[in-house]
Amino acid sequence: MDRRKFVAMAIEKPPESVQQIQINTGDEMSRGRYSNNMAVSHSPEEFIMDWLLNSPSGTHLVSRIIVSPGHLKRIIDALSENMGRYEGKFGSVRVIEKKDQAFN
């Protein structure tokens, strides 16, 4: 199996103190997956995030990620911080209403 090495930046830290970690992954995983929808459910112990692809042939599960409530909180903080930086650089992101996401 083809193994690739990636360097990931810890997203919790500001750019001036970036921590690098080495991540080993196979070729298939390194390509990533596209998702245009998600479903979230939870229990007292975990959150389940299903990343979905809505397409003309139906809705398909792309990936399922299960995390603890504490880790989900860190994910939300990291995403909020990064969205703020993105919008600061590229402008506000327009959120498309759910009814406008259907395929025609």
C-alpha atoms as a PDB file:
ATOM      1  CA  MET A   1       0.000   0.000   0.000  1.00  0.00           C
ATOM      2  CA  ASP A   2       1.235   3.471  -0.873  1.00  0.00           C
ATOM      3  CA  ARG A   3       2.040   5.381   2.328  1.00  0.00           C
ATOM      4  CA  ARG A   4       2.260   9.143   2.365  1.00  0.00           C
ATOM      5  CA  LYS A   5       3.466  11.432   5.111  1.00  0.00           C
ATOM      6  CA  PHE A   6       1.764  14.690   5.903  1.00  0.00           C
ATOM      7  CA  VAL A   7       2.595  17.504   8.275  1.00  0.00           C
ATOM      8  CA  ALA A   8      -0.461  18.859  10.082  1.00  0.00           C
ATOM      9  CA  MET A   9      -0.585  22.097  12.014  1.00  0.00           C
ATOM     10  CA  ALA A  10      -2.268  22.098  15.394  1.00  0.00           C
ATOM     11  CA  ILE A  11      -5.284  24.330  14.777  1.00  0.00           C
ATOM     12  CA  GLU A  12      -5.700  25.309  18.423  1.00  0.00           C
ATOM     13  CA  LYS A  13      -2.553  27.467  18.386  1.00  0.00           C
ATOM     14  CA  PRO A  14      -2.008  30.821  16.657  1.00  0.00           C
ATOM     15  CA  PRO A  15       0.171  30.770  13.503  1.00  0.00           C
ATOM     16  CA  GLU A  16       3.227  32.171  15.260  1.00  0.00           C
ATOM     17  CA  SER A  17       3.490  29.083  17.491  1.00  0.00           C
ATOM     18  CA  VAL A  18       2.505  26.337  15.056  1.00  0.00           C
ATOM     19  CA  GLN A  19       3.117  22.821  16.294  1.00  0.00           C
ATOM     20  CA  GLN A  20       3.818  20.289  13.573  1.00  0.00           C
ATOM     21  CA  ILE A  21       2.957  16.617  13.847  1.00  0.00           C
ATOM     22  CA  GLN A  22       3.673  13.855  11.365  1.00  0.00           C
ATOM     23  CA  ILE A  23       0.632  11.926  10.143  1.00  0.00           C
ATOM     24  CA  ASN A  24       1.007   8.717   8.151  1.00  0.00           C
ATOM     25  CA  THR A  25      -1.820   7.808   5.815  1.00  0.00           C
ATOM     26  CA  GLY A  26      -2.557   5.705   2.784  1.00  0.00           C
ATOM     27  CA  ASP A  27      -3.232   7.120  -0.663  1.00  0.00           C
ATOM     28  CA  GLU A  28      -7.015   6.626  -0.498  1.00  0.00           C
ATOM     29  CA  MET A  29      -7.384   8.513   2.791  1.00  0.00           C
ATOM     30  CA  SER A  30      -5.088  11.363   1.709  1.00  0.00           C
ATOM     31  CA  ARG A  31      -7.421  12.274  -1.166  1.00  0.00           C
ATOM     32  CA  GLY A  32     -10.097  13.337   1.295  1.00  0.00           C
ATOM     33  CA  ARG A  33     -13.846  13.184   0.856  1.00  0.00           C
ATOM     34  CA  TYR A  34     -16.345  15.815  -0.245  1.00  0.00           C
ATOM     35  CA  SER A  35     -19.427  16.379   1.890  1.00  0.00           C
ATOM     36  CA  ASN A  36     -22.205  18.893   1.355  1.00  0.00           C
ATOM     37  CA  ASN A  37     -24.413  17.961   4.314  1.00  0.00           C
ATOM     38  CA  MET A  38     -24.185  16.432   7.761  1.00  0.00           C
ATOM     39  CA  ALA A  39     -26.279  14.914  10.512  1.00  0.00           C
ATOM     40  CA  VAL A  40     -25.369  15.069  14.191  1.00  0.00           C
ATOM     41  CA  SER A  41     -26.659  12.926  17.037  1.00  0.00           C
ATOM     42  CA  HIS A  42     -25.445  12.441  20.599  1.00  0.00           C
ATOM     43  CA  SER A  43     -25.636  10.433  23.784  1.00  0.00           C
ATOM     44  CA  PRO A  44     -24.351  11.451  27.219  1.00  0.00           C
ATOM     45  CA  GLU A  45     -20.927  10.001  26.274  1.00  0.00           C
ATOM     46  CA  GLU A  46     -20.367  10.888  22.609  1.00  0.00           C
ATOM     47  CA  PHE A  47     -21.330  12.891  19.541  1.00  0.00           C
ATOM     48  CA  ILE A  48     -21.764  11.163  16.189  1.00  0.00           C
ATOM     49  CA  MET A  49     -21.221  13.295  13.089  1.00  0.00           C
ATOM     50  CA  ASP A  50     -22.316  11.740   9.807  1.00  0.00           C
ATOM     51  CA  TRP A  51     -20.815  13.561   6.818  1.00  0.00           C
ATOM     52  CA  LEU A  52     -23.162  13.141   3.848  1.00  0.00           C
ATOM     53  CA  LEU A  53     -23.170  13.722   0.127  1.00  0.00           C
ATOM     54  CA  ASN A  54     -26.474  14.858  -1.353  1.00  0.00           C
ATOM     55  CA  SER A  55     -26.531  14.030  -5.042  1.00  0.00           C
ATOM     56  CA  PRO A  56     -29.129  13.465  -7.738  1.00  0.00           C
ATOM     57  CA  SER A  57     -28.961   9.715  -6.993  1.00  0.00           C
ATOM     58  CA  GLY A  58     -29.728  10.238  -3.290  1.00  0.00           C
ATOM     59  CA  THR A  59     -27.941  10.870  -0.010  1.00  0.00           C
ATOM     60  CA  HIS A  60     -24.789   8.862   0.686  1.00  0.00           C
ATOM     61  CA  LEU A  61     -22.786   8.481   3.909  1.00  0.00           C
ATOM     62  CA  VAL A  62     -19.260   9.741   3.252  1.00  0.00           C
ATOM     63  CA  SER A  63     -17.783   9.399   6.724  1.00  0.00           C
ATOM     64  CA  ARG A  64     -18.842   8.933  10.343  1.00  0.00           C
ATOM     65  CA  ILE A  65     -16.805  10.561  13.098  1.00  0.00           C
ATOM     66  CA  ILE A  66     -17.475   9.799  16.764  1.00  0.00           C
ATOM     67  CA  VAL A  67     -16.004  12.129  19.406  1.00  0.00           C
ATOM     68  CA  SER A  68     -16.367  12.916  23.097  1.00  0.00           C
ATOM     69  CA  PRO A  69     -18.316  16.042  24.144  1.00  0.00           C
ATOM     70  CA  GLY A  70     -15.062  17.697  25.262  1.00  0.00           C
ATOM     71  CA  HIS A  71     -13.389  17.057  21.932  1.00  0.00           C
ATOM     72  CA  LEU A  72     -16.434  18.353  20.042  1.00  0.00           C
ATOM     73  CA  LYS A  73     -16.141  21.590  22.020  1.00  0.00           C
ATOM     74  CA  ARG A  74     -12.486  21.922  20.923  1.00  0.00           C
ATOM     75  CA  ILE A  75     -13.513  21.201  17.305  1.00  0.00           C
ATOM     76  CA  ILE A  76     -16.181  23.927  17.434  1.00  0.00           C
ATOM     77  CA  ASP A  77     -13.696  26.421  18.900  1.00  0.00           C
ATOM     78  CA  ALA A  78     -11.070  25.583  16.245  1.00  0.00           C
ATOM     79  CA  LEU A  79     -13.604  25.818  13.394  1.00  0.00           C
ATOM     80  CA  SER A  80     -14.976  29.133  14.715  1.00  0.00           C
ATOM     81  CA  GLU A  81     -11.479  30.574  14.974  1.00  0.00           C
ATOM     82  CA  ASN A  82     -10.569  29.430  11.470  1.00  0.00           C
ATOM     83  CA  MET A  83     -13.837  30.698   9.965  1.00  0.00           C
ATOM     84  CA  GLY A  84     -13.113  34.100  11.514  1.00  0.00           C
ATOM     85  CA  ARG A  85      -9.669  34.146   9.890  1.00  0.00           C
ATOM     86  CA  TYR A  86     -11.116  32.972   6.560  1.00  0.00           C
ATOM     87  CA  GLU A  87     -13.794  35.674   6.541  1.00  0.00           C
ATOM     88  CA  GLY A  88     -11.226  38.267   7.590  1.00  0.00           C
ATOM     89  CA  LYS A  89      -9.187  37.385   4.511  1.00  0.00           C
ATOM     90  CA  PHE A  90     -11.875  36.522   1.930  1.00  0.00           C
ATOM     91  CA  GLY A  91     -15.064  38.206   3.191  1.00  0.00           C
ATOM     92  CA  SER A  92     -18.275  36.865   4.686  1.00  0.00           C
ATOM     93  CA  VAL A  93     -19.491  33.410   3.736  1.00  0.00           C
ATOM     94  CA  ARG A  94     -23.056  33.315   2.472  1.00  0.00           C
ATOM     95  CA  VAL A  95     -25.110  30.519   4.045  1.00  0.00           C
ATOM     96  CA  ILE A  96     -27.481  28.907   1.569  1.00  0.00           C
ATOM     97  CA  GLU A  97     -30.914  28.195   2.966  1.00  0.00           C
ATOM     98  CA  LYS A  98     -31.843  24.533   3.253  1.00  0.00           C
ATOM     99  CA  LYS A  99     -34.650  24.822   0.674  1.00  0.00           C
ATOM    100  CA  ASP A 100     -32.150  26.176  -1.897  1.00  0.00           C
ATOM    101  CA  GLN A 101     -29.848  23.130  -1.665  1.00  0.00           C
ATOM    102  CA  ALA A 102     -32.025  20.740  -3.684  1.00  0.00           C
ATOM    103  CA  PHE A 103     -30.856  19.407  -7.035  1.00  0.00           C
ATOM    104  CA  ASN A 104     -32.900  20.563 -10.033  1.00  0.00           C
END
